[in-house]
Every structure is written in C-alpha cells, then in structure tokens.
C-alpha cells in the first residue's frame, strides 16, 4: 500500500511538469507585452536577479492571455482572467553563501517543527527513494523538498500529514520545490507550480521554470 502511495506522489509531481504543454493557463511578463504573443518572450528582474522565458499566448488563439507581477520578493505568473495571487509563483530568499540548500531551508522553515514530522530531502533523492528515475539537472543546480511521512493506508490522501509542515512550502499534490544556483550561493528560491503548466517555448516544449536562470 505504501509503495502505491509513493508511486502516486511521484507521478503527480512528474505529471505536473508534463502538463505544461497540454494546459493553457499561466505565463509571465514583467514588461508590457509589445511583441507577437505567439513568440517566446523573456522576463527579467534586475531586483531579484533572475530571468526566464514565457509564451504570452497560452491557449493558441493569437491573443496574450498571461502576465507576471513582481511583488516584493515574489514573482506571480498568472492567467489574466484570474486574480494574480491564484497564479504560480517563485520567491527568493537570502542565505549565508557557506550554507547548503538543505541547511538554509532547515534554518529558515523548520526550527519549530519535529524532525519526525517534517524534514528536507534532496529533490532527486526523493524520486529515486520512491522508485522513480532522477530528473536531469545541471551541475550548478541544487533542488530540495520539504517532506513528511506518508500514510501506510493507500485509501488516505498522501498529503494528510502536510499540516505538520510549513503551509505552502512543503510537498503538495503538484510541483513545489526549492532551488539554488551554486554559482550564486547567497540566495535560493521556492517554486510553487501546482498541477498545471506554463508554456515557455513551443519548439522545445519547455515549461517556464525549465528556463529559469539566476543572473546575479
């Protein structure tokens, strides 16, 4: 039973990344859209020191339907027919450059949580521990997830113990993870992607988060 639950968890997270090509929800843009909405654009934030690609038109009707809004330490990627806060988002955090990603997450989010109920796990270690292949990852990138014990009864939702971990920053029924670029070790990011995708490049079939870069 537990193995079945673990397989469901992995499939949901992997599936959320694959849905971006089939979905037509949200995509970013820090600047006003002035170019062809069917052409991949670049979003950049000098303040947060990041950039990524996106398609302004997600549903293929030739009209821009997506946007992004930078609010303090977050960038919201949202479908313009919906409230900004209902979109996907990426948030930046600062840390001591000598800290590992796991240590930074532990210090920031888990000081008041029991290690039995809530802990940090390397992104690919989570997949391989649950019988799934590791995902391709550049050498300069580190990823991690805040996880919790899964139920042994497969009739129960795997996220039933999520309340014992930080709300919004733990394993969910969609994509949610932390990322650090080792070339910029003074900061790290949290991605809240959810169960739908955002097309970044139709030719390469990429999601926006796959094009994410730390620029400074």
N, C-alpha and C. Protein backbone atom coordinates (compact mmCIF):
# COMPACT_ATOMS: atom_id res chain seq x y z
N UNK A 1 0.82 -1.20 0.00
CA UNK A 1 0.00 0.00 0.00
C UNK A 1 0.86 1.26 0.00
N UNK A 2 1.87 1.24 0.89
CA UNK A 2 2.72 2.42 0.97
C UNK A 2 3.43 2.67 -0.34
N UNK A 3 3.87 1.57 -1.01
CA UNK A 3 4.55 1.73 -2.29
C UNK A 3 3.63 2.37 -3.31
N UNK A 4 2.36 1.99 -3.28
CA UNK A 4 1.39 2.57 -4.22
C UNK A 4 1.24 4.05 -3.98
N UNK A 5 1.17 4.45 -2.70
CA UNK A 5 1.06 5.87 -2.36
C UNK A 5 2.28 6.63 -2.86
N UNK A 6 3.47 6.05 -2.65
CA UNK A 6 4.69 6.72 -3.09
C UNK A 6 4.71 6.88 -4.60
N UNK A 7 4.23 5.88 -5.32
CA UNK A 7 4.19 5.97 -6.77
C UNK A 7 3.25 7.08 -7.21
N UNK A 8 2.12 7.22 -6.50
CA UNK A 8 1.17 8.28 -6.83
C UNK A 8 1.80 9.64 -6.61
N UNK A 9 2.53 9.80 -5.49
CA UNK A 9 3.20 11.06 -5.21
C UNK A 9 4.15 11.43 -6.33
N UNK A 10 4.99 10.48 -6.73
CA UNK A 10 5.98 10.73 -7.78
C UNK A 10 5.30 11.05 -9.09
N UNK A 11 4.25 10.30 -9.44
CA UNK A 11 3.56 10.55 -10.69
C UNK A 11 2.91 11.91 -10.73
N UNK A 12 2.35 12.34 -9.61
CA UNK A 12 1.73 13.66 -9.56
C UNK A 12 2.77 14.75 -9.79
N UNK A 13 3.92 14.64 -9.13
CA UNK A 13 4.95 15.67 -9.29
C UNK A 13 5.53 15.65 -10.69
N UNK A 14 5.83 14.46 -11.20
CA UNK A 14 6.34 14.36 -12.57
C UNK A 14 5.29 14.79 -13.57
N UNK A 15 4.04 14.39 -13.32
CA UNK A 15 2.96 14.73 -14.23
C UNK A 15 2.71 16.21 -14.30
N UNK A 16 2.86 16.90 -13.19
CA UNK A 16 2.64 18.35 -13.20
C UNK A 16 3.61 19.03 -14.14
N UNK A 17 4.84 18.50 -14.20
CA UNK A 17 5.81 19.07 -15.12
C UNK A 17 5.48 18.77 -16.57
N UNK A 18 4.82 17.64 -16.83
CA UNK A 18 4.50 17.28 -18.20
C UNK A 18 3.24 17.96 -18.72
N UNK A 19 2.40 18.43 -17.81
CA UNK A 19 1.13 19.03 -18.21
C UNK A 19 1.29 20.38 -18.89
N UNK A 20 2.47 21.01 -18.76
CA UNK A 20 2.60 22.38 -19.27
C UNK A 20 2.27 22.47 -20.75
N UNK A 21 2.60 21.45 -21.53
CA UNK A 21 2.38 21.52 -22.96
C UNK A 21 0.89 21.40 -23.31
N UNK A 22 0.13 20.72 -22.47
CA UNK A 22 -1.28 20.47 -22.75
C UNK A 22 -2.19 21.52 -22.12
N UNK A 23 -1.70 22.26 -21.15
CA UNK A 23 -2.55 23.22 -20.45
C UNK A 23 -2.52 24.57 -21.11
N UNK A 24 -3.41 25.46 -20.68
CA UNK A 24 -3.47 26.79 -21.29
C UNK A 24 -3.73 27.84 -20.22
N UNK A 25 -3.00 27.73 -19.14
CA UNK A 25 -3.25 28.65 -18.05
C UNK A 25 -2.27 29.84 -18.06
N UNK A 26 -1.18 29.76 -17.33
CA UNK A 26 -0.50 30.98 -16.97
C UNK A 26 0.94 31.10 -17.44
N UNK A 27 1.37 32.35 -17.68
CA UNK A 27 2.72 32.65 -18.12
C UNK A 27 3.09 34.07 -17.76
N UNK A 28 4.42 34.36 -17.64
CA UNK A 28 4.85 35.63 -17.10
C UNK A 28 5.24 36.71 -18.10
N UNK A 29 5.31 37.95 -17.61
CA UNK A 29 5.84 39.07 -18.36
C UNK A 29 6.01 40.25 -17.44
N UNK A 30 7.25 40.66 -17.18
CA UNK A 30 7.49 41.78 -16.30
C UNK A 30 7.25 43.10 -17.00
N UNK A 31 7.48 43.13 -18.32
CA UNK A 31 7.27 44.33 -19.11
C UNK A 31 5.97 44.20 -19.88
N UNK A 32 5.36 45.34 -20.29
CA UNK A 32 4.16 45.28 -21.12
C UNK A 32 4.43 44.49 -22.40
N UNK A 33 3.48 43.67 -22.81
CA UNK A 33 3.65 42.86 -23.99
C UNK A 33 3.51 43.74 -25.24
N UNK A 34 4.57 43.86 -26.01
CA UNK A 34 4.55 44.70 -27.20
C UNK A 34 4.92 43.92 -28.44
N UNK A 35 5.18 42.63 -28.29
CA UNK A 35 5.60 41.81 -29.42
C UNK A 35 4.58 40.72 -29.67
N UNK A 36 4.81 39.93 -30.70
CA UNK A 36 3.92 38.86 -31.09
C UNK A 36 3.68 37.90 -29.92
N UNK A 37 2.41 37.71 -29.56
CA UNK A 37 2.10 36.88 -28.40
C UNK A 37 2.39 35.41 -28.64
N UNK A 38 2.62 35.02 -29.90
CA UNK A 38 2.92 33.63 -30.21
C UNK A 38 4.42 33.36 -30.21
N UNK A 39 5.22 34.36 -29.91
CA UNK A 39 6.67 34.23 -29.86
C UNK A 39 7.15 34.23 -28.42
N UNK A 40 8.08 33.35 -28.09
CA UNK A 40 8.62 33.30 -26.74
C UNK A 40 9.26 34.62 -26.36
N UNK A 41 8.94 35.09 -25.17
CA UNK A 41 9.48 36.34 -24.65
C UNK A 41 10.37 36.06 -23.46
N UNK A 42 11.12 37.07 -23.03
CA UNK A 42 11.99 36.94 -21.87
C UNK A 42 11.51 37.86 -20.75
N UNK A 43 11.32 37.28 -19.60
CA UNK A 43 11.03 38.05 -18.39
C UNK A 43 12.33 38.20 -17.62
N UNK A 44 12.60 39.39 -17.11
CA UNK A 44 13.80 39.57 -16.30
C UNK A 44 13.50 40.52 -15.15
N UNK A 45 14.14 40.27 -14.04
CA UNK A 45 14.02 41.11 -12.85
C UNK A 45 15.41 41.48 -12.38
N UNK A 46 15.74 42.75 -12.49
CA UNK A 46 17.04 43.21 -12.01
C UNK A 46 17.09 43.15 -10.48
N UNK A 47 15.97 43.43 -9.85
CA UNK A 47 15.90 43.43 -8.39
C UNK A 47 16.16 42.05 -7.82
N UNK A 48 15.50 41.03 -8.36
CA UNK A 48 15.65 39.67 -7.85
C UNK A 48 16.79 38.92 -8.52
N UNK A 49 17.28 39.46 -9.64
CA UNK A 49 18.41 38.84 -10.32
C UNK A 49 18.09 37.53 -10.99
N UNK A 50 16.95 37.50 -11.72
CA UNK A 50 16.54 36.28 -12.40
C UNK A 50 15.99 36.60 -13.78
N UNK A 51 15.91 35.59 -14.62
CA UNK A 51 15.26 35.71 -15.91
C UNK A 51 14.71 34.35 -16.33
N UNK A 52 13.72 34.36 -17.22
CA UNK A 52 13.16 33.13 -17.76
C UNK A 52 12.34 33.47 -18.99
N UNK A 53 11.99 32.46 -19.75
CA UNK A 53 11.21 32.63 -20.98
C UNK A 53 9.75 32.26 -20.74
N UNK A 54 8.89 32.78 -21.59
CA UNK A 54 7.46 32.50 -21.46
C UNK A 54 6.76 32.78 -22.79
N UNK A 55 5.60 32.20 -22.95
CA UNK A 55 4.73 32.48 -24.08
C UNK A 55 3.57 33.35 -23.61
N UNK A 56 3.40 34.55 -24.14
CA UNK A 56 2.26 35.39 -23.74
C UNK A 56 0.91 34.77 -24.08
N UNK A 57 0.86 33.95 -25.12
CA UNK A 57 -0.38 33.30 -25.54
C UNK A 57 -0.32 31.84 -25.15
N UNK A 58 -1.17 31.44 -24.20
CA UNK A 58 -1.15 30.06 -23.72
C UNK A 58 -2.21 29.18 -24.38
N UNK A 59 -3.28 29.76 -24.89
CA UNK A 59 -4.35 28.93 -25.43
C UNK A 59 -4.35 28.86 -26.95
N UNK A 60 -3.36 29.52 -27.59
CA UNK A 60 -3.18 29.38 -29.02
C UNK A 60 -4.14 30.17 -29.88
N UNK A 61 -4.81 31.19 -29.31
CA UNK A 61 -5.75 31.97 -30.12
C UNK A 61 -5.13 33.23 -30.70
N UNK A 62 -3.81 33.40 -30.48
CA UNK A 62 -3.12 34.55 -31.04
C UNK A 62 -3.21 35.80 -30.20
N UNK A 63 -3.85 35.71 -29.02
CA UNK A 63 -4.00 36.86 -28.13
C UNK A 63 -3.27 36.60 -26.81
N UNK A 64 -2.59 37.61 -26.27
CA UNK A 64 -1.92 37.41 -24.98
C UNK A 64 -2.94 37.18 -23.88
N UNK A 65 -2.73 36.18 -23.08
CA UNK A 65 -3.65 35.86 -22.00
C UNK A 65 -2.95 35.62 -20.67
N UNK A 66 -1.65 35.88 -20.62
CA UNK A 66 -0.89 35.63 -19.41
C UNK A 66 -0.02 36.84 -19.07
N UNK A 67 0.37 36.94 -17.82
CA UNK A 67 1.21 38.05 -17.39
C UNK A 67 1.94 37.66 -16.12
N UNK A 68 2.85 38.52 -15.68
CA UNK A 68 3.55 38.31 -14.42
C UNK A 68 3.59 39.61 -13.65
N UNK A 69 3.62 39.50 -12.35
CA UNK A 69 3.71 40.68 -11.50
C UNK A 69 4.70 40.43 -10.39
N UNK A 70 5.67 41.28 -10.28
CA UNK A 70 6.67 41.18 -9.22
C UNK A 70 6.19 41.94 -8.00
N UNK A 71 6.08 41.25 -6.88
CA UNK A 71 5.62 41.84 -5.63
C UNK A 71 6.63 41.51 -4.54
N UNK A 72 7.38 42.51 -4.13
CA UNK A 72 8.40 42.32 -3.09
C UNK A 72 9.37 41.21 -3.50
N UNK A 73 9.39 40.09 -2.77
CA UNK A 73 10.36 39.02 -3.06
C UNK A 73 9.76 37.90 -3.90
N UNK A 74 8.58 38.13 -4.51
CA UNK A 74 7.93 37.12 -5.33
C UNK A 74 7.65 37.63 -6.74
N UNK A 75 7.58 36.67 -7.67
CA UNK A 75 7.05 36.93 -9.00
C UNK A 75 5.87 36.00 -9.19
N UNK A 76 4.70 36.55 -9.43
CA UNK A 76 3.50 35.78 -9.69
C UNK A 76 3.32 35.62 -11.20
N UNK A 77 3.07 34.40 -11.64
CA UNK A 77 2.75 34.10 -13.03
C UNK A 77 1.29 33.73 -13.08
N UNK A 78 0.49 34.52 -13.78
CA UNK A 78 -0.95 34.32 -13.66
C UNK A 78 -1.69 34.47 -14.99
N UNK A 79 -2.79 33.75 -15.06
CA UNK A 79 -3.71 33.87 -16.18
C UNK A 79 -4.50 35.15 -15.95
N UNK A 80 -4.52 36.04 -16.94
CA UNK A 80 -5.06 37.38 -16.72
C UNK A 80 -6.55 37.41 -16.42
N UNK A 81 -7.25 36.31 -16.67
CA UNK A 81 -8.67 36.24 -16.32
C UNK A 81 -8.88 35.89 -14.85
N UNK A 82 -7.80 35.58 -14.14
CA UNK A 82 -7.87 35.19 -12.74
C UNK A 82 -7.05 36.15 -11.88
N UNK A 83 -7.31 36.17 -10.56
CA UNK A 83 -6.52 37.02 -9.67
C UNK A 83 -5.04 36.66 -9.70
N UNK A 84 -4.21 37.66 -9.52
CA UNK A 84 -2.76 37.45 -9.55
C UNK A 84 -2.33 36.36 -8.57
N UNK A 85 -2.88 36.41 -7.35
CA UNK A 85 -2.44 35.50 -6.28
C UNK A 85 -2.81 34.05 -6.53
N UNK A 86 -3.66 33.79 -7.52
CA UNK A 86 -4.02 32.41 -7.85
C UNK A 86 -3.06 31.80 -8.86
N UNK A 87 -2.09 32.56 -9.29
CA UNK A 87 -1.13 32.05 -10.26
C UNK A 87 0.00 31.27 -9.61
N UNK A 88 0.92 30.84 -10.43
CA UNK A 88 2.13 30.22 -9.92
C UNK A 88 3.06 31.32 -9.42
N UNK A 89 4.06 30.95 -8.63
CA UNK A 89 4.97 31.98 -8.14
C UNK A 89 6.33 31.40 -7.78
N UNK A 90 7.31 32.30 -7.81
CA UNK A 90 8.66 31.98 -7.38
C UNK A 90 9.06 33.05 -6.37
N UNK A 91 9.69 32.63 -5.30
CA UNK A 91 10.07 33.54 -4.21
C UNK A 91 11.56 33.40 -3.94
N UNK A 92 12.23 34.52 -3.67
CA UNK A 92 13.66 34.50 -3.42
C UNK A 92 13.94 34.67 -1.93
N UNK A 93 14.94 33.93 -1.43
CA UNK A 93 15.40 34.04 -0.05
C UNK A 93 16.92 34.22 -0.06
N UNK A 94 17.43 34.93 0.92
CA UNK A 94 18.88 35.09 1.04
C UNK A 94 19.40 34.12 2.10
N UNK A 95 20.70 33.81 2.00
CA UNK A 95 21.32 32.90 2.96
C UNK A 95 22.81 33.15 3.03
N UNK A 96 23.44 32.57 4.02
CA UNK A 96 24.89 32.58 4.11
C UNK A 96 25.43 31.75 2.95
N UNK A 97 26.35 32.30 2.15
CA UNK A 97 26.87 31.55 1.00
C UNK A 97 27.51 30.22 1.36
N UNK A 98 27.94 30.07 2.61
CA UNK A 98 28.59 28.82 3.01
C UNK A 98 27.57 27.72 3.33
N UNK A 99 26.31 28.07 3.49
CA UNK A 99 25.28 27.09 3.81
C UNK A 99 24.90 26.26 2.59
N UNK A 100 24.58 25.01 2.83
CA UNK A 100 23.98 24.19 1.78
C UNK A 100 22.51 24.59 1.65
N UNK A 101 21.90 24.18 0.57
CA UNK A 101 20.48 24.46 0.39
C UNK A 101 19.66 23.82 1.50
N UNK A 102 19.96 22.58 1.84
CA UNK A 102 19.21 21.87 2.87
C UNK A 102 19.31 22.57 4.23
N UNK A 103 20.52 23.03 4.57
CA UNK A 103 20.71 23.72 5.85
C UNK A 103 19.96 25.04 5.88
N UNK A 104 19.99 25.76 4.78
CA UNK A 104 19.28 27.04 4.70
C UNK A 104 17.78 26.85 4.89
N UNK A 105 17.23 25.82 4.26
CA UNK A 105 15.79 25.53 4.40
C UNK A 105 15.47 25.14 5.83
N UNK A 106 16.32 24.29 6.39
CA UNK A 106 16.11 23.86 7.78
C UNK A 106 16.09 25.06 8.72
N UNK A 107 17.05 25.96 8.58
CA UNK A 107 17.15 27.12 9.47
C UNK A 107 16.00 28.09 9.28
N UNK A 108 15.55 28.25 8.05
CA UNK A 108 14.51 29.22 7.75
C UNK A 108 13.11 28.71 8.09
N UNK A 109 12.83 27.44 7.79
CA UNK A 109 11.46 26.95 7.85
C UNK A 109 11.17 25.92 8.94
N UNK A 110 12.17 25.19 9.41
CA UNK A 110 11.86 24.01 10.22
C UNK A 110 12.35 24.05 11.66
N UNK A 111 12.75 25.20 12.15
CA UNK A 111 13.28 25.28 13.50
C UNK A 111 12.26 24.85 14.55
N UNK A 112 11.01 25.11 14.30
CA UNK A 112 9.96 24.81 15.29
C UNK A 112 9.14 23.57 14.93
N UNK A 113 9.69 22.74 14.06
CA UNK A 113 8.98 21.53 13.65
C UNK A 113 9.76 20.30 14.06
N UNK A 114 9.04 19.24 14.39
CA UNK A 114 9.68 17.98 14.75
C UNK A 114 10.31 17.35 13.51
N UNK A 115 11.52 16.84 13.68
CA UNK A 115 12.22 16.19 12.57
C UNK A 115 11.51 14.91 12.15
N UNK A 116 10.68 14.35 13.01
CA UNK A 116 9.91 13.16 12.66
C UNK A 116 8.73 13.51 11.75
N UNK A 117 8.24 14.72 11.91
CA UNK A 117 7.05 15.14 11.17
C UNK A 117 7.38 15.87 9.88
N UNK A 118 8.55 16.46 9.83
CA UNK A 118 8.85 17.37 8.72
C UNK A 118 10.37 17.46 8.53
N UNK A 119 10.84 17.24 7.31
CA UNK A 119 12.28 17.25 7.07
C UNK A 119 12.57 17.58 5.62
N UNK A 120 13.83 17.92 5.35
CA UNK A 120 14.26 18.30 4.00
C UNK A 120 14.86 17.10 3.30
N UNK A 121 14.52 16.94 2.02
CA UNK A 121 15.10 15.85 1.24
C UNK A 121 15.53 16.39 -0.12
N UNK A 122 16.70 15.93 -0.58
CA UNK A 122 17.16 16.30 -1.91
C UNK A 122 16.12 15.90 -2.95
N UNK A 123 15.92 16.75 -3.94
CA UNK A 123 14.88 16.56 -4.95
C UNK A 123 14.99 15.19 -5.63
N UNK A 124 16.16 14.87 -6.18
CA UNK A 124 16.31 13.61 -6.89
C UNK A 124 16.40 12.42 -5.94
N UNK A 125 16.86 12.64 -4.74
CA UNK A 125 16.85 11.55 -3.76
C UNK A 125 15.41 11.15 -3.44
N UNK A 126 14.53 12.13 -3.43
CA UNK A 126 13.11 11.84 -3.20
C UNK A 126 12.58 10.92 -4.29
N UNK A 127 12.91 11.24 -5.54
CA UNK A 127 12.42 10.42 -6.65
C UNK A 127 13.01 9.02 -6.62
N UNK A 128 14.32 8.92 -6.47
CA UNK A 128 14.96 7.61 -6.51
C UNK A 128 14.55 6.76 -5.31
N UNK A 129 14.34 7.39 -4.16
CA UNK A 129 13.91 6.65 -2.97
C UNK A 129 12.51 6.07 -3.16
N UNK A 130 11.74 6.68 -4.05
CA UNK A 130 10.38 6.22 -4.29
C UNK A 130 10.24 5.47 -5.61
N UNK A 131 11.37 4.96 -6.12
CA UNK A 131 11.34 4.09 -7.28
C UNK A 131 11.21 4.77 -8.62
N UNK A 132 11.49 6.06 -8.68
CA UNK A 132 11.42 6.78 -9.94
C UNK A 132 12.82 7.23 -10.35
N UNK A 133 13.08 7.39 -11.65
CA UNK A 133 14.40 7.83 -12.09
C UNK A 133 14.65 9.28 -11.72
N UNK A 134 15.90 9.62 -11.50
CA UNK A 134 16.27 11.00 -11.21
C UNK A 134 16.00 11.87 -12.44
N UNK A 135 15.64 13.11 -12.20
CA UNK A 135 15.40 14.04 -13.30
C UNK A 135 16.69 14.72 -13.71
N UNK A 136 16.85 15.02 -15.00
CA UNK A 136 18.06 15.72 -15.45
C UNK A 136 18.21 17.06 -14.73
N UNK A 137 19.44 17.37 -14.37
CA UNK A 137 19.68 18.58 -13.60
C UNK A 137 21.09 19.07 -13.86
N UNK A 138 21.25 20.35 -14.13
CA UNK A 138 22.57 20.92 -14.39
C UNK A 138 23.44 20.81 -13.14
N UNK A 139 24.76 20.72 -13.34
CA UNK A 139 25.68 20.52 -12.23
C UNK A 139 25.63 21.67 -11.23
N UNK A 140 25.29 22.87 -11.70
CA UNK A 140 25.29 24.03 -10.81
C UNK A 140 23.98 24.21 -10.05
N UNK A 141 23.02 23.32 -10.29
CA UNK A 141 21.71 23.45 -9.67
C UNK A 141 21.51 22.42 -8.56
N UNK A 142 20.99 22.89 -7.43
CA UNK A 142 20.58 22.00 -6.33
C UNK A 142 19.09 22.22 -6.08
N UNK A 143 18.36 21.12 -5.85
CA UNK A 143 16.94 21.21 -5.57
C UNK A 143 16.62 20.39 -4.33
N UNK A 144 15.61 20.83 -3.59
CA UNK A 144 15.21 20.11 -2.39
C UNK A 144 13.72 20.30 -2.15
N UNK A 145 13.15 19.41 -1.32
CA UNK A 145 11.74 19.47 -0.98
C UNK A 145 11.58 19.29 0.53
N UNK A 146 10.64 19.99 1.11
CA UNK A 146 10.24 19.70 2.48
C UNK A 146 9.19 18.60 2.42
N UNK A 147 9.47 17.48 3.07
CA UNK A 147 8.58 16.32 3.01
C UNK A 147 8.14 15.90 4.41
N UNK A 148 7.21 14.96 4.45
CA UNK A 148 6.64 14.47 5.69
C UNK A 148 6.30 12.98 5.52
N UNK A 149 6.12 12.24 6.60
CA UNK A 149 5.80 10.81 6.48
C UNK A 149 4.49 10.61 5.71
N UNK A 150 4.50 9.62 4.83
CA UNK A 150 3.31 9.32 4.04
C UNK A 150 2.48 8.25 4.74
N UNK A 151 1.17 8.27 4.57
CA UNK A 151 0.32 7.27 5.24
C UNK A 151 0.57 5.87 4.68
N UNK A 152 0.40 4.87 5.50
CA UNK A 152 0.55 3.49 5.05
C UNK A 152 -0.73 2.97 4.41
N UNK A 153 -1.82 3.65 4.66
CA UNK A 153 -3.12 3.27 4.10
C UNK A 153 -3.34 4.03 2.80
N UNK A 154 -3.34 3.31 1.66
CA UNK A 154 -3.44 3.99 0.37
C UNK A 154 -4.82 4.55 0.08
N UNK A 155 -5.78 4.34 1.00
CA UNK A 155 -7.09 4.97 0.84
C UNK A 155 -7.09 6.39 1.37
N UNK A 156 -6.02 6.76 2.05
CA UNK A 156 -5.88 8.10 2.59
C UNK A 156 -5.07 8.97 1.64
N UNK A 157 -5.37 10.26 1.57
CA UNK A 157 -4.57 11.15 0.72
C UNK A 157 -3.14 11.23 1.22
N UNK A 158 -2.18 11.21 0.32
CA UNK A 158 -0.78 11.18 0.76
C UNK A 158 -0.40 12.45 1.50
N UNK A 159 -1.14 13.53 1.29
CA UNK A 159 -0.80 14.80 1.91
C UNK A 159 -1.49 15.00 3.26
N UNK A 160 -2.02 13.95 3.85
CA UNK A 160 -2.77 14.12 5.10
C UNK A 160 -1.89 14.59 6.26
N UNK A 161 -0.58 14.40 6.16
CA UNK A 161 0.32 14.86 7.22
C UNK A 161 0.96 16.21 6.88
N UNK A 162 0.50 16.83 5.81
CA UNK A 162 1.09 18.10 5.38
C UNK A 162 0.90 19.21 6.40
N UNK A 163 -0.15 19.13 7.21
CA UNK A 163 -0.42 20.18 8.19
C UNK A 163 0.66 20.26 9.26
N UNK A 164 1.48 19.23 9.35
CA UNK A 164 2.56 19.23 10.33
C UNK A 164 3.81 19.94 9.82
N UNK A 165 3.74 20.42 8.57
CA UNK A 165 4.85 21.12 7.95
C UNK A 165 4.43 22.54 7.59
N UNK A 166 5.38 23.40 7.21
CA UNK A 166 5.05 24.79 6.85
C UNK A 166 4.06 24.85 5.69
N UNK A 167 2.99 25.56 5.88
CA UNK A 167 1.97 25.72 4.84
C UNK A 167 2.59 26.40 3.62
N UNK A 168 2.27 25.91 2.45
CA UNK A 168 2.68 26.48 1.16
C UNK A 168 4.12 26.15 0.75
N UNK A 169 4.92 25.58 1.65
CA UNK A 169 6.33 25.35 1.30
C UNK A 169 6.73 23.88 1.39
N UNK A 170 5.77 23.01 1.43
CA UNK A 170 6.07 21.58 1.58
C UNK A 170 5.54 20.78 0.40
N UNK A 171 5.87 19.49 0.37
CA UNK A 171 5.38 18.57 -0.64
C UNK A 171 3.88 18.71 -0.79
N UNK A 172 3.41 18.85 -2.03
CA UNK A 172 1.98 19.04 -2.28
C UNK A 172 1.54 18.12 -3.41
N UNK A 173 0.27 18.21 -3.78
CA UNK A 173 -0.23 17.40 -4.89
C UNK A 173 0.00 18.10 -6.23
N UNK A 174 1.07 18.83 -6.29
CA UNK A 174 1.54 19.49 -7.51
C UNK A 174 3.04 19.71 -7.36
N UNK A 175 3.64 20.47 -8.24
CA UNK A 175 5.07 20.75 -8.13
C UNK A 175 5.31 21.87 -7.13
N UNK A 176 6.20 21.63 -6.19
CA UNK A 176 6.64 22.65 -5.24
C UNK A 176 8.01 22.25 -4.73
N UNK A 177 9.00 23.11 -4.90
CA UNK A 177 10.36 22.74 -4.54
C UNK A 177 11.23 23.98 -4.36
N UNK A 178 12.37 23.78 -3.71
CA UNK A 178 13.38 24.81 -3.54
C UNK A 178 14.50 24.60 -4.55
N UNK A 179 15.15 25.69 -4.94
CA UNK A 179 16.24 25.62 -5.92
C UNK A 179 17.33 26.60 -5.54
N UNK A 180 18.58 26.17 -5.76
CA UNK A 180 19.72 27.06 -5.59
C UNK A 180 20.67 26.90 -6.76
N UNK A 181 21.18 28.03 -7.27
CA UNK A 181 22.24 28.02 -8.26
C UNK A 181 23.56 28.13 -7.51
N UNK A 182 24.39 27.12 -7.60
CA UNK A 182 25.64 27.09 -6.84
C UNK A 182 26.59 28.21 -7.24
N UNK A 183 26.36 28.81 -8.41
CA UNK A 183 27.17 29.95 -8.82
C UNK A 183 26.73 31.25 -8.14
N UNK A 184 25.59 31.20 -7.47
CA UNK A 184 25.07 32.35 -6.72
C UNK A 184 24.60 31.85 -5.34
N UNK A 185 25.53 31.43 -4.49
CA UNK A 185 25.17 30.73 -3.26
C UNK A 185 24.61 31.61 -2.14
N UNK A 186 24.45 32.89 -2.40
CA UNK A 186 23.91 33.78 -1.37
C UNK A 186 22.39 33.87 -1.40
N UNK A 187 21.75 33.11 -2.30
CA UNK A 187 20.30 33.13 -2.39
C UNK A 187 19.76 31.77 -2.82
N UNK A 188 18.48 31.57 -2.59
CA UNK A 188 17.80 30.38 -3.09
C UNK A 188 16.35 30.73 -3.34
N UNK A 189 15.63 29.83 -4.02
CA UNK A 189 14.29 30.15 -4.49
C UNK A 189 13.31 29.03 -4.16
N UNK A 190 12.04 29.41 -4.01
CA UNK A 190 10.99 28.42 -3.86
C UNK A 190 10.01 28.59 -5.02
N UNK A 191 9.67 27.46 -5.66
CA UNK A 191 8.74 27.45 -6.78
C UNK A 191 7.44 26.79 -6.37
N UNK A 192 6.34 27.49 -6.55
CA UNK A 192 5.00 26.93 -6.35
C UNK A 192 4.35 26.83 -7.72
N UNK A 193 4.37 25.64 -8.29
CA UNK A 193 3.92 25.43 -9.67
C UNK A 193 2.49 24.91 -9.72
N UNK A 194 2.14 23.98 -8.83
CA UNK A 194 0.80 23.43 -8.85
C UNK A 194 0.66 22.29 -9.83
N UNK A 195 -0.57 22.04 -10.26
CA UNK A 195 -0.87 20.89 -11.10
C UNK A 195 -1.02 21.23 -12.58
N UNK A 196 -0.79 22.45 -12.94
CA UNK A 196 -0.90 22.83 -14.35
C UNK A 196 0.42 23.43 -14.81
N UNK A 197 0.56 23.56 -16.11
CA UNK A 197 1.83 24.04 -16.63
C UNK A 197 1.73 25.38 -17.34
N UNK A 198 2.89 25.98 -17.55
CA UNK A 198 3.01 27.25 -18.25
C UNK A 198 4.01 27.07 -19.38
N UNK A 199 3.55 27.21 -20.59
CA UNK A 199 4.42 27.01 -21.75
C UNK A 199 5.43 28.15 -21.86
N UNK A 200 6.69 27.79 -22.03
CA UNK A 200 7.74 28.78 -22.22
C UNK A 200 8.21 28.82 -23.66
N UNK A 201 8.25 27.66 -24.30
CA UNK A 201 8.78 27.57 -25.66
C UNK A 201 8.15 26.37 -26.34
N UNK A 202 7.31 26.63 -27.34
CA UNK A 202 6.61 25.53 -28.00
C UNK A 202 7.56 24.64 -28.78
N UNK A 203 8.58 25.24 -29.41
CA UNK A 203 9.51 24.45 -30.21
C UNK A 203 10.26 23.43 -29.37
N UNK A 204 10.73 23.88 -28.21
CA UNK A 204 11.49 22.99 -27.33
C UNK A 204 10.60 22.30 -26.31
N UNK A 205 9.32 22.65 -26.29
CA UNK A 205 8.37 22.07 -25.35
C UNK A 205 8.87 22.21 -23.91
N UNK A 206 9.18 23.44 -23.53
CA UNK A 206 9.68 23.71 -22.19
C UNK A 206 8.64 24.45 -21.35
N UNK A 207 8.69 24.19 -20.07
CA UNK A 207 7.92 24.99 -19.13
C UNK A 207 8.78 26.17 -18.70
N UNK A 208 8.13 27.22 -18.18
CA UNK A 208 8.88 28.43 -17.83
C UNK A 208 9.97 28.15 -16.80
N UNK A 209 9.68 27.28 -15.82
CA UNK A 209 10.66 27.02 -14.78
C UNK A 209 11.89 26.29 -15.30
N UNK A 210 11.75 25.63 -16.45
CA UNK A 210 12.89 24.95 -17.05
C UNK A 210 13.88 25.94 -17.69
N UNK A 211 13.43 27.17 -17.90
CA UNK A 211 14.29 28.19 -18.49
C UNK A 211 14.79 29.19 -17.46
N UNK A 212 14.44 28.97 -16.20
CA UNK A 212 14.78 29.90 -15.12
C UNK A 212 16.29 29.99 -14.94
N UNK A 213 16.80 31.23 -14.84
CA UNK A 213 18.23 31.46 -14.63
C UNK A 213 18.43 32.52 -13.56
N UNK A 214 19.45 32.33 -12.75
CA UNK A 214 19.87 33.35 -11.79
C UNK A 214 20.93 34.19 -12.47
N UNK A 215 20.68 35.48 -12.58
CA UNK A 215 21.56 36.36 -13.36
C UNK A 215 22.56 37.14 -12.51
N UNK A 216 22.25 37.25 -11.22
CA UNK A 216 23.21 37.95 -10.34
C UNK A 216 22.93 37.61 -8.89
